[in-house]
Amino acid sequence: MNSQPTLALDRVLRVLQPLVRLLLRNGVTYTVFVAALKRVFLDAARQELAHQGMPATDSAVTLLCGVHRRDVRNLTRAAQASQQAQQAQPPLPAALGLAAQVVARWMHEPAFQNAAGQAGVLTRSGAGPSFEQLVEGVSRDVRPRAVLAELLRLGVVQETDAGLELEGSGFAPRQGFEEMSWMFANNLQDHAAAAVANLQGEANFLEQAVFVDQLSAASIEQLQQASKQAWQQAFKTVMQTASTRFEHDAAQSPPAERVHRARFGVYFFSEREEPTP
């Protein structure tokens, strides 16, 4: 029988397969990845020590994760210098966060929906539901024109003769690797965190999937469409609750209690099965 460490390593290596393909397609070699992986082990060791209420000394970190003390010191200084450099420029998540909020409001609030309950076609400004009103309902710190330019650049919105239309089923940028990779990392990280917490018996997060095989290409297409429709309905339900709870907590709970975050998402994947030799 395999030991638990062996099983854990085997399962994580399986998860890493598509991620390694991403690295290879973008010119990141094994040597570069292994060197960068030290920082991941270093951060995880410190988080684990903090979780256990133990001091995160260099010796304790080295003992837990196996990274040499010299590397611990050097990587710590490099991380501090990198953090100071990043503080000098506007953070990407803030910009994307505003754009995502605008899209969510567009999809969620009845004033900006069509008769079918989907994101409606908006004018740029003026009377009636307009993109300007949409953005100002989220924030007045950024001009609607700037938000629109960003959404057009990301391929989330298209401008037609009828007005501004939302592409797809939500905020899913199709332009800009930096923005797409930021969303990819955050979504996948939280999905993995939920699964790990469940596996370790630390929580009981929702983390389920439907699996079916031996389907034709036509059936896969129908299944994908059904999945999109299910997501749209789930989005409305969860978004309504999220908005209600946000407004309730903003009015009823002190800031010291509003320290939690949540992410809800779905995914669909299909591939051609290779015959077993």
C-alpha atoms as a PDB file:
ATOM      1  CA  MET A   1       0.000   0.000   0.000  1.00  0.00           C
ATOM      2  CA  ASN A   2       1.312   3.432  -0.899  1.00  0.00           C
ATOM      3  CA  SER A   3       2.081   5.800   1.949  1.00  0.00           C
ATOM      4  CA  GLN A   4       0.150   9.048   2.305  1.00  0.00           C
ATOM      5  CA  PRO A   5       3.138  11.224   1.227  1.00  0.00           C
ATOM      6  CA  THR A   6       3.536   9.064  -1.891  1.00  0.00           C
ATOM      7  CA  LEU A   7      -0.159   9.334  -2.703  1.00  0.00           C
ATOM      8  CA  ALA A   8      -0.146  13.097  -2.143  1.00  0.00           C
ATOM      9  CA  LEU A   9       2.858  13.544  -4.451  1.00  0.00           C
ATOM     10  CA  ASP A  10       1.350  11.316  -7.140  1.00  0.00           C
ATOM     11  CA  ARG A  11      -1.962  13.214  -7.117  1.00  0.00           C
ATOM     12  CA  VAL A  12      -0.277  16.618  -7.220  1.00  0.00           C
ATOM     13  CA  LEU A  13       1.912  15.531 -10.141  1.00  0.00           C
ATOM     14  CA  ARG A  14      -1.273  14.559 -12.004  1.00  0.00           C
ATOM     15  CA  VAL A  15      -2.722  18.012 -11.353  1.00  0.00           C
ATOM     16  CA  LEU A  16       0.510  19.597 -12.583  1.00  0.00           C
ATOM     17  CA  GLN A  17       0.400  17.986 -16.040  1.00  0.00           C
ATOM     18  CA  PRO A  18      -1.703  20.667 -17.793  1.00  0.00           C
ATOM     19  CA  LEU A  19       0.127  23.385 -15.862  1.00  0.00           C
ATOM     20  CA  VAL A  20       3.510  22.112 -17.048  1.00  0.00           C
ATOM     21  CA  ARG A  21       2.208  22.133 -20.629  1.00  0.00           C
ATOM     22  CA  LEU A  22       1.291  25.800 -20.099  1.00  0.00           C
ATOM     23  CA  LEU A  23       4.821  26.506 -18.892  1.00  0.00           C
ATOM     24  CA  LEU A  24       6.439  24.712 -21.830  1.00  0.00           C
ATOM     25  CA  ARG A  25       4.268  26.528 -24.382  1.00  0.00           C
ATOM     26  CA  ASN A  26       5.426  29.805 -22.901  1.00  0.00           C
ATOM     27  CA  GLY A  27       9.131  29.004 -22.770  1.00  0.00           C
ATOM     28  CA  VAL A  28       9.455  28.113 -19.084  1.00  0.00           C
ATOM     29  CA  THR A  29      11.856  25.159 -18.710  1.00  0.00           C
ATOM     30  CA  TYR A  30      12.203  22.607 -15.923  1.00  0.00           C
ATOM     31  CA  THR A  31      15.293  24.352 -14.536  1.00  0.00           C
ATOM     32  CA  VAL A  32      13.552  27.710 -14.300  1.00  0.00           C
ATOM     33  CA  PHE A  33      10.446  26.147 -12.773  1.00  0.00           C
ATOM     34  CA  VAL A  34      12.359  24.242 -10.102  1.00  0.00           C
ATOM     35  CA  ALA A  35      14.260  27.376  -9.083  1.00  0.00           C
ATOM     36  CA  ALA A  36      11.005  29.344  -8.814  1.00  0.00           C
ATOM     37  CA  LEU A  37       9.321  26.496  -6.942  1.00  0.00           C
ATOM     38  CA  LYS A  38      11.550  27.215  -3.941  1.00  0.00           C
ATOM     39  CA  ARG A  39       9.580  30.430  -3.343  1.00  0.00           C
ATOM     40  CA  VAL A  40       6.319  28.482  -3.352  1.00  0.00           C
ATOM     41  CA  PHE A  41       7.602  26.000  -0.773  1.00  0.00           C
ATOM     42  CA  LEU A  42       9.000  28.874   1.281  1.00  0.00           C
ATOM     43  CA  ASP A  43       5.676  30.760   1.359  1.00  0.00           C
ATOM     44  CA  ALA A  44       3.689  27.586   2.056  1.00  0.00           C
ATOM     45  CA  ALA A  45       5.997  26.637   4.931  1.00  0.00           C
ATOM     46  CA  ARG A  46       5.587  30.037   6.552  1.00  0.00           C
ATOM     47  CA  GLN A  47       1.810  29.852   6.206  1.00  0.00           C
ATOM     48  CA  GLU A  48       1.779  26.368   7.728  1.00  0.00           C
ATOM     49  CA  LEU A  49       3.956  27.469  10.665  1.00  0.00           C
ATOM     50  CA  ALA A  50       1.688  30.456  11.259  1.00  0.00           C
ATOM     51  CA  HIS A  51      -1.343  28.149  11.136  1.00  0.00           C
ATOM     52  CA  GLN A  52       0.263  25.982  13.822  1.00  0.00           C
ATOM     53  CA  GLY A  53       1.159  29.022  15.950  1.00  0.00           C
ATOM     54  CA  MET A  54       4.907  28.454  15.560  1.00  0.00           C
ATOM     55  CA  PRO A  55       7.573  31.114  14.827  1.00  0.00           C
ATOM     56  CA  ALA A  56       8.638  31.132  11.163  1.00  0.00           C
ATOM     57  CA  THR A  57      12.390  31.232  11.763  1.00  0.00           C
ATOM     58  CA  ASP A  58      14.777  30.394   8.919  1.00  0.00           C
ATOM     59  CA  SER A  59      15.630  27.108  10.635  1.00  0.00           C
ATOM     60  CA  ALA A  60      11.976  26.159  11.116  1.00  0.00           C
ATOM     61  CA  VAL A  61      11.170  26.970   7.472  1.00  0.00           C
ATOM     62  CA  THR A  62      14.153  24.946   6.253  1.00  0.00           C
ATOM     63  CA  LEU A  63      13.233  21.982   8.430  1.00  0.00           C
ATOM     64  CA  LEU A  64       9.629  21.966   7.207  1.00  0.00           C
ATOM     65  CA  CYS A  65      10.065  22.503   3.456  1.00  0.00           C
ATOM     66  CA  GLY A  66      13.651  21.432   2.784  1.00  0.00           C
ATOM     67  CA  VAL A  67      14.785  24.716   1.211  1.00  0.00           C
ATOM     68  CA  HIS A  68      18.363  25.516   2.335  1.00  0.00           C
ATOM     69  CA  ARG A  69      18.732  28.311   4.902  1.00  0.00           C
ATOM     70  CA  ARG A  70      20.913  30.284   2.501  1.00  0.00           C
ATOM     71  CA  ASP A  71      18.159  30.191  -0.110  1.00  0.00           C
ATOM     72  CA  VAL A  72      15.585  31.131   2.541  1.00  0.00           C
ATOM     73  CA  ARG A  73      17.537  34.289   3.390  1.00  0.00           C
ATOM     74  CA  ASN A  74      18.202  35.225  -0.245  1.00  0.00           C
ATOM     75  CA  LEU A  75      14.641  34.575  -1.395  1.00  0.00           C
ATOM     76  CA  THR A  76      13.236  36.572   1.525  1.00  0.00           C
ATOM     77  CA  ARG A  77      15.309  39.627   0.598  1.00  0.00           C
ATOM     78  CA  ALA A  78      14.370  39.251  -3.081  1.00  0.00           C
ATOM     79  CA  ALA A  79      10.666  39.019  -2.189  1.00  0.00           C
ATOM     80  CA  GLN A  80      10.858  42.185  -0.095  1.00  0.00           C
ATOM     81  CA  ALA A  81      12.569  44.092  -2.918  1.00  0.00           C
ATOM     82  CA  SER A  82       9.983  42.844  -5.438  1.00  0.00           C
ATOM     83  CA  GLN A  83       7.122  43.915  -3.177  1.00  0.00           C
ATOM     84  CA  GLN A  84       8.534  47.427  -2.863  1.00  0.00           C
ATOM     85  CA  ALA A  85       8.883  47.685  -6.649  1.00  0.00           C
ATOM     86  CA  GLN A  86       5.285  46.549  -7.218  1.00  0.00           C
ATOM     87  CA  GLN A  87       3.956  49.194  -4.844  1.00  0.00           C
ATOM     88  CA  ALA A  88       5.171  51.885  -7.246  1.00  0.00           C
ATOM     89  CA  GLN A  89       2.694  50.882  -9.977  1.00  0.00           C
ATOM     90  CA  PRO A  90      -1.112  50.424  -9.955  1.00  0.00           C
ATOM     91  CA  PRO A  91      -2.087  46.825  -9.199  1.00  0.00           C
ATOM     92  CA  LEU A  92      -3.632  44.839 -12.033  1.00  0.00           C
ATOM     93  CA  PRO A  93      -6.266  43.155  -9.814  1.00  0.00           C
ATOM     94  CA  ALA A  94      -7.815  46.524  -8.910  1.00  0.00           C
ATOM     95  CA  ALA A  95      -8.402  47.416 -12.568  1.00  0.00           C
ATOM     96  CA  LEU A  96      -9.767  43.994 -13.414  1.00  0.00           C
ATOM     97  CA  GLY A  97     -11.858  43.985 -10.257  1.00  0.00           C
ATOM     98  CA  LEU A  98     -13.720  47.125 -11.330  1.00  0.00           C
ATOM     99  CA  ALA A  99     -14.323  45.752 -14.825  1.00  0.00           C
ATOM    100  CA  ALA A 100     -15.625  42.478 -13.394  1.00  0.00           C
ATOM    101  CA  GLN A 101     -17.995  44.345 -11.057  1.00  0.00           C
ATOM    102  CA  VAL A 102     -19.390  46.336 -13.985  1.00  0.00           C
ATOM    103  CA  VAL A 103     -20.014  43.153 -15.984  1.00  0.00           C
ATOM    104  CA  ALA A 104     -21.592  41.407 -12.975  1.00  0.00           C
ATOM    105  CA  ARG A 105     -23.987  44.327 -12.442  1.00  0.00           C
ATOM    106  CA  TRP A 106     -24.804  44.312 -16.159  1.00  0.00           C
ATOM    107  CA  MET A 107     -25.756  40.643 -15.972  1.00  0.00           C
ATOM    108  CA  HIS A 108     -27.491  40.804 -12.590  1.00  0.00           C
ATOM    109  CA  GLU A 109     -29.565  43.968 -12.245  1.00  0.00           C
ATOM    110  CA  PRO A 110     -32.974  43.936 -14.008  1.00  0.00           C
ATOM    111  CA  ALA A 111     -32.536  47.546 -15.149  1.00  0.00           C
ATOM    112  CA  PHE A 112     -29.737  46.424 -17.486  1.00  0.00           C
ATOM    113  CA  GLN A 113     -31.306  43.158 -18.649  1.00  0.00           C
ATOM    114  CA  ASN A 114     -33.528  42.368 -21.613  1.00  0.00           C
ATOM    115  CA  ALA A 115     -36.938  40.694 -21.538  1.00  0.00           C
ATOM    116  CA  ALA A 116     -35.283  37.258 -21.389  1.00  0.00           C
ATOM    117  CA  GLY A 117     -33.411  38.182 -18.221  1.00  0.00           C
ATOM    118  CA  GLN A 118     -30.042  38.373 -19.961  1.00  0.00           C
ATOM    119  CA  ALA A 119     -27.577  41.274 -20.214  1.00  0.00           C
ATOM    120  CA  GLY A 120     -29.271  43.814 -22.459  1.00  0.00           C
ATOM    121  CA  VAL A 121     -27.928  46.047 -25.208  1.00  0.00           C
ATOM    122  CA  LEU A 122     -26.908  49.414 -23.744  1.00  0.00           C
ATOM    123  CA  THR A 123     -26.369  52.840 -25.210  1.00  0.00           C
ATOM    124  CA  ARG A 124     -23.173  54.644 -24.291  1.00  0.00           C
ATOM    125  CA  SER A 125     -25.016  57.367 -22.379  1.00  0.00           C
ATOM    126  CA  GLY A 126     -28.310  59.221 -22.231  1.00  0.00           C
ATOM    127  CA  ALA A 127     -31.778  58.309 -21.015  1.00  0.00           C
ATOM    128  CA  GLY A 128     -32.748  54.757 -20.286  1.00  0.00           C
ATOM    129  CA  PRO A 129     -30.332  51.988 -19.398  1.00  0.00           C
ATOM    130  CA  SER A 130     -26.900  53.163 -20.524  1.00  0.00           C
ATOM    131  CA  PHE A 131     -23.342  52.047 -20.001  1.00  0.00           C
ATOM    132  CA  GLU A 132     -22.593  55.334 -18.276  1.00  0.00           C
ATOM    133  CA  GLN A 133     -25.317  54.668 -15.685  1.00  0.00           C
ATOM    134  CA  LEU A 134     -24.035  51.118 -15.271  1.00  0.00           C
ATOM    135  CA  VAL A 135     -20.478  52.204 -14.441  1.00  0.00           C
ATOM    136  CA  GLU A 136     -21.513  55.085 -12.195  1.00  0.00           C
ATOM    137  CA  GLY A 137     -23.577  52.648 -10.149  1.00  0.00           C
ATOM    138  CA  VAL A 138     -20.363  50.767  -9.377  1.00  0.00           C
ATOM    139  CA  SER A 139     -17.855  53.615  -9.040  1.00  0.00           C
ATOM    140  CA  ARG A 140     -17.624  57.311  -9.843  1.00  0.00           C
ATOM    141  CA  ASP A 141     -13.832  57.315  -9.515  1.00  0.00           C
ATOM    142  CA  VAL A 142     -13.247  56.052 -13.061  1.00  0.00           C
ATOM    143  CA  ARG A 143     -14.762  57.489 -16.207  1.00  0.00           C
ATOM    144  CA  PRO A 144     -17.201  55.193 -18.048  1.00  0.00           C
ATOM    145  CA  ARG A 145     -15.262  55.842 -21.270  1.00  0.00           C
ATOM    146  CA  ALA A 146     -12.102  54.354 -19.720  1.00  0.00           C
ATOM    147  CA  VAL A 147     -13.970  51.292 -18.450  1.00  0.00           C
ATOM    148  CA  LEU A 148     -15.561  50.754 -21.862  1.00  0.00           C
ATOM    149  CA  ALA A 149     -12.197  51.035 -23.600  1.00  0.00           C
ATOM    150  CA  GLU A 150     -10.806  48.358 -21.299  1.00  0.00           C
ATOM    151  CA  LEU A 151     -13.745  45.992 -21.837  1.00  0.00           C
ATOM    152  CA  LEU A 152     -13.517  46.465 -25.601  1.00  0.00           C
ATOM    153  CA  ARG A 153      -9.771  45.763 -25.480  1.00  0.00           C
ATOM    154  CA  LEU A 154     -10.338  42.576 -23.487  1.00  0.00           C
ATOM    155  CA  GLY A 155     -12.993  41.387 -25.933  1.00  0.00           C
ATOM    156  CA  VAL A 156     -15.652  41.255 -23.227  1.00  0.00           C
ATOM    157  CA  VAL A 157     -17.890  43.852 -24.920  1.00  0.00           C
ATOM    158  CA  GLN A 158     -18.549  44.572 -28.583  1.00  0.00           C
ATOM    159  CA  GLU A 159     -19.984  47.708 -30.123  1.00  0.00           C
ATOM    160  CA  THR A 160     -22.740  47.120 -32.682  1.00  0.00           C
ATOM    161  CA  ASP A 161     -25.240  49.277 -34.560  1.00  0.00           C
ATOM    162  CA  ALA A 162     -27.786  48.471 -31.848  1.00  0.00           C
ATOM    163  CA  GLY A 163     -25.457  49.484 -29.017  1.00  0.00           C
ATOM    164  CA  LEU A 164     -23.032  47.868 -26.583  1.00  0.00           C
ATOM    165  CA  GLU A 165     -23.401  44.112 -26.212  1.00  0.00           C
ATOM    166  CA  LEU A 166     -21.829  41.822 -23.625  1.00  0.00           C
ATOM    167  CA  GLU A 167     -19.924  38.913 -25.146  1.00  0.00           C
ATOM    168  CA  GLY A 168     -20.394  35.357 -23.886  1.00  0.00           C
ATOM    169  CA  SER A 169     -21.712  34.622 -20.419  1.00  0.00           C
ATOM    170  CA  GLY A 170     -19.672  36.934 -18.225  1.00  0.00           C
ATOM    171  CA  PHE A 171     -16.302  38.458 -17.539  1.00  0.00           C
ATOM    172  CA  ALA A 172     -13.971  36.233 -19.573  1.00  0.00           C
ATOM    173  CA  PRO A 173     -11.268  38.320 -21.270  1.00  0.00           C
ATOM    174  CA  ARG A 174     -10.214  37.086 -24.704  1.00  0.00           C
ATOM    175  CA  GLN A 175      -7.470  39.633 -25.232  1.00  0.00           C
ATOM    176  CA  GLY A 176      -4.420  40.262 -23.100  1.00  0.00           C
ATOM    177  CA  PHE A 177      -2.437  37.352 -21.689  1.00  0.00           C
ATOM    178  CA  GLU A 178      -1.668  39.245 -18.479  1.00  0.00           C
ATOM    179  CA  GLU A 179      -5.330  39.736 -17.617  1.00  0.00           C
ATOM    180  CA  MET A 180      -6.389  36.237 -18.670  1.00  0.00           C
ATOM    181  CA  SER A 181      -3.554  34.612 -16.733  1.00  0.00           C
ATOM    182  CA  TRP A 182      -4.426  36.640 -13.615  1.00  0.00           C
ATOM    183  CA  MET A 183      -7.988  35.317 -13.663  1.00  0.00           C
ATOM    184  CA  PHE A 184      -6.754  31.803 -14.460  1.00  0.00           C
ATOM    185  CA  ALA A 185      -4.432  31.821 -11.429  1.00  0.00           C
ATOM    186  CA  ASN A 186      -6.999  33.182  -8.976  1.00  0.00           C
ATOM    187  CA  ASN A 187      -9.795  30.840 -10.061  1.00  0.00           C
ATOM    188  CA  LEU A 188      -7.583  27.753 -10.122  1.00  0.00           C
ATOM    189  CA  GLN A 189      -5.909  28.623  -6.817  1.00  0.00           C
ATOM    190  CA  ASP A 190      -9.230  28.898  -4.981  1.00  0.00           C
ATOM    191  CA  HIS A 191     -10.549  25.715  -6.610  1.00  0.00           C
ATOM    192  CA  ALA A 192      -7.423  23.856  -5.491  1.00  0.00           C
ATOM    193  CA  ALA A 193      -7.618  25.409  -2.015  1.00  0.00           C
ATOM    194  CA  ALA A 194     -11.195  24.165  -1.596  1.00  0.00           C
ATOM    195  CA  ALA A 195     -10.265  20.659  -2.745  1.00  0.00           C
ATOM    196  CA  VAL A 196      -7.193  20.505  -0.473  1.00  0.00           C
ATOM    197  CA  ALA A 197      -9.168  21.717   2.541  1.00  0.00           C
ATOM    198  CA  ASN A 198     -11.763  19.000   1.907  1.00  0.00           C
ATOM    199  CA  LEU A 199      -9.102  16.320   1.432  1.00  0.00           C
ATOM    200  CA  GLN A 200      -7.388  17.294   4.689  1.00  0.00           C
ATOM    201  CA  GLY A 201     -10.674  17.336   6.583  1.00  0.00           C
ATOM    202  CA  GLU A 202     -10.343  21.049   7.352  1.00  0.00           C
ATOM    203  CA  ALA A 203     -13.597  22.116   5.675  1.00  0.00           C
ATOM    204  CA  ASN A 204     -16.555  20.893   3.666  1.00  0.00           C
ATOM    205  CA  PHE A 205     -16.584  23.200   0.658  1.00  0.00           C
ATOM    206  CA  LEU A 206     -18.748  22.593  -2.386  1.00  0.00           C
ATOM    207  CA  GLU A 207     -16.441  20.875  -4.895  1.00  0.00           C
ATOM    208  CA  GLN A 208     -18.289  18.460  -7.156  1.00  0.00           C
ATOM    209  CA  ALA A 209     -18.280  17.479 -10.823  1.00  0.00           C
ATOM    210  CA  VAL A 210     -20.299  15.410 -13.307  1.00  0.00           C
ATOM    211  CA  PHE A 211     -18.322  12.906 -15.382  1.00  0.00           C
ATOM    212  CA  VAL A 212     -19.471  11.029 -18.473  1.00  0.00           C
ATOM    213  CA  ASP A 213     -17.573   9.317 -21.283  1.00  0.00           C
ATOM    214  CA  GLN A 214     -18.194   7.450 -24.565  1.00  0.00           C
ATOM    215  CA  LEU A 215     -20.015  10.409 -26.118  1.00  0.00           C
ATOM    216  CA  SER A 216     -20.065  11.680 -29.693  1.00  0.00           C
ATOM    217  CA  ALA A 217     -18.828  15.129 -30.664  1.00  0.00           C
ATOM    218  CA  ALA A 218     -22.437  16.251 -31.181  1.00  0.00           C
ATOM    219  CA  SER A 219     -23.388  15.138 -27.672  1.00  0.00           C
ATOM    220  CA  ILE A 220     -20.390  16.957 -26.222  1.00  0.00           C
ATOM    221  CA  GLU A 221     -21.572  20.154 -27.902  1.00  0.00           C
ATOM    222  CA  GLN A 222     -25.064  19.774 -26.427  1.00  0.00           C
ATOM    223  CA  LEU A 223     -23.598  19.050 -22.999  1.00  0.00           C
ATOM    224  CA  GLN A 224     -21.460  22.171 -23.180  1.00  0.00           C
ATOM    225  CA  GLN A 225     -24.485  24.287 -24.081  1.00  0.00           C
ATOM    226  CA  ALA A 226     -26.430  22.775 -21.173  1.00  0.00           C
ATOM    227  CA  SER A 227     -23.521  23.600 -18.877  1.00  0.00           C
ATOM    228  CA  LYS A 228     -23.515  27.232 -20.021  1.00  0.00           C
ATOM    229  CA  GLN A 229     -27.242  27.516 -19.368  1.00  0.00           C
ATOM    230  CA  ALA A 230     -26.797  25.978 -15.914  1.00  0.00           C
ATOM    231  CA  TRP A 231     -24.050  28.493 -15.157  1.00  0.00           C
ATOM    232  CA  GLN A 232     -26.219  31.430 -16.184  1.00  0.00           C
ATOM    233  CA  GLN A 233     -28.962  30.308 -13.817  1.00  0.00           C
ATOM    234  CA  ALA A 234     -26.513  29.584 -11.011  1.00  0.00           C
ATOM    235  CA  PHE A 235     -24.875  32.978 -11.548  1.00  0.00           C
ATOM    236  CA  LYS A 236     -28.191  34.783 -11.094  1.00  0.00           C
ATOM    237  CA  THR A 237     -29.015  32.862  -7.925  1.00  0.00           C
ATOM    238  CA  VAL A 238     -25.618  33.222  -6.264  1.00  0.00           C
ATOM    239  CA  MET A 239     -25.131  36.813  -7.421  1.00  0.00           C
ATOM    240  CA  GLN A 240     -28.495  37.802  -5.952  1.00  0.00           C
ATOM    241  CA  THR A 241     -27.558  36.298  -2.587  1.00  0.00           C
ATOM    242  CA  ALA A 242     -24.067  37.832  -2.731  1.00  0.00           C
ATOM    243  CA  SER A 243     -25.485  41.303  -3.421  1.00  0.00           C
ATOM    244  CA  THR A 244     -28.072  40.973  -0.649  1.00  0.00           C
ATOM    245  CA  ARG A 245     -25.517  39.819   1.902  1.00  0.00           C
ATOM    246  CA  PHE A 246     -23.011  42.491   0.862  1.00  0.00           C
ATOM    247  CA  GLU A 247     -25.563  45.259   1.375  1.00  0.00           C
ATOM    248  CA  HIS A 248     -26.724  43.716   4.663  1.00  0.00           C
ATOM    249  CA  ASP A 249     -23.204  43.421   6.060  1.00  0.00           C
ATOM    250  CA  ALA A 250     -22.257  46.913   4.912  1.00  0.00           C
ATOM    251  CA  ALA A 251     -25.166  48.297   6.914  1.00  0.00           C
ATOM    252  CA  GLN A 252     -25.201  45.933   9.904  1.00  0.00           C
ATOM    253  CA  SER A 253     -21.700  44.551  10.496  1.00  0.00           C
ATOM    254  CA  PRO A 254     -18.654  46.530  11.700  1.00  0.00           C
ATOM    255  CA  PRO A 255     -15.577  46.571   9.405  1.00  0.00           C
ATOM    256  CA  ALA A 256     -13.680  44.276  11.782  1.00  0.00           C
ATOM    257  CA  GLU A 257     -16.183  41.498  11.005  1.00  0.00           C
ATOM    258  CA  ARG A 258     -16.202  42.002   7.231  1.00  0.00           C
ATOM    259  CA  VAL A 259     -12.933  40.146   6.640  1.00  0.00           C
ATOM    260  CA  HIS A 260     -14.094  37.119   4.631  1.00  0.00           C
ATOM    261  CA  ARG A 261     -14.181  36.539   0.885  1.00  0.00           C
ATOM    262  CA  ALA A 262     -15.743  33.848  -1.294  1.00  0.00           C
ATOM    263  CA  ARG A 263     -15.540  32.648  -4.880  1.00  0.00           C
ATOM    264  CA  PHE A 264     -18.098  30.548  -6.729  1.00  0.00           C
ATOM    265  CA  GLY A 265     -17.414  29.145 -10.164  1.00  0.00           C
ATOM    266  CA  VAL A 266     -17.981  26.300 -12.596  1.00  0.00           C
ATOM    267  CA  TYR A 267     -15.969  24.718 -15.365  1.00  0.00           C
ATOM    268  CA  PHE A 268     -16.541  22.475 -18.354  1.00  0.00           C
ATOM    269  CA  PHE A 269     -13.890  20.344 -20.050  1.00  0.00           C
ATOM    270  CA  SER A 270     -13.913  17.715 -22.770  1.00  0.00           C
ATOM    271  CA  GLU A 271     -11.270  15.908 -24.793  1.00  0.00           C
ATOM    272  CA  ARG A 272     -10.970  13.074 -27.258  1.00  0.00           C
ATOM    273  CA  GLU A 273     -10.245   9.789 -25.491  1.00  0.00           C
ATOM    274  CA  GLU A 274      -7.293   7.888 -26.846  1.00  0.00           C
ATOM    275  CA  PRO A 275      -7.834   4.125 -27.294  1.00  0.00           C
ATOM    276  CA  THR A 276      -6.220   1.989 -24.622  1.00  0.00           C
ATOM    277  CA  PRO A 277      -3.370  -0.101 -26.124  1.00  0.00           C
END
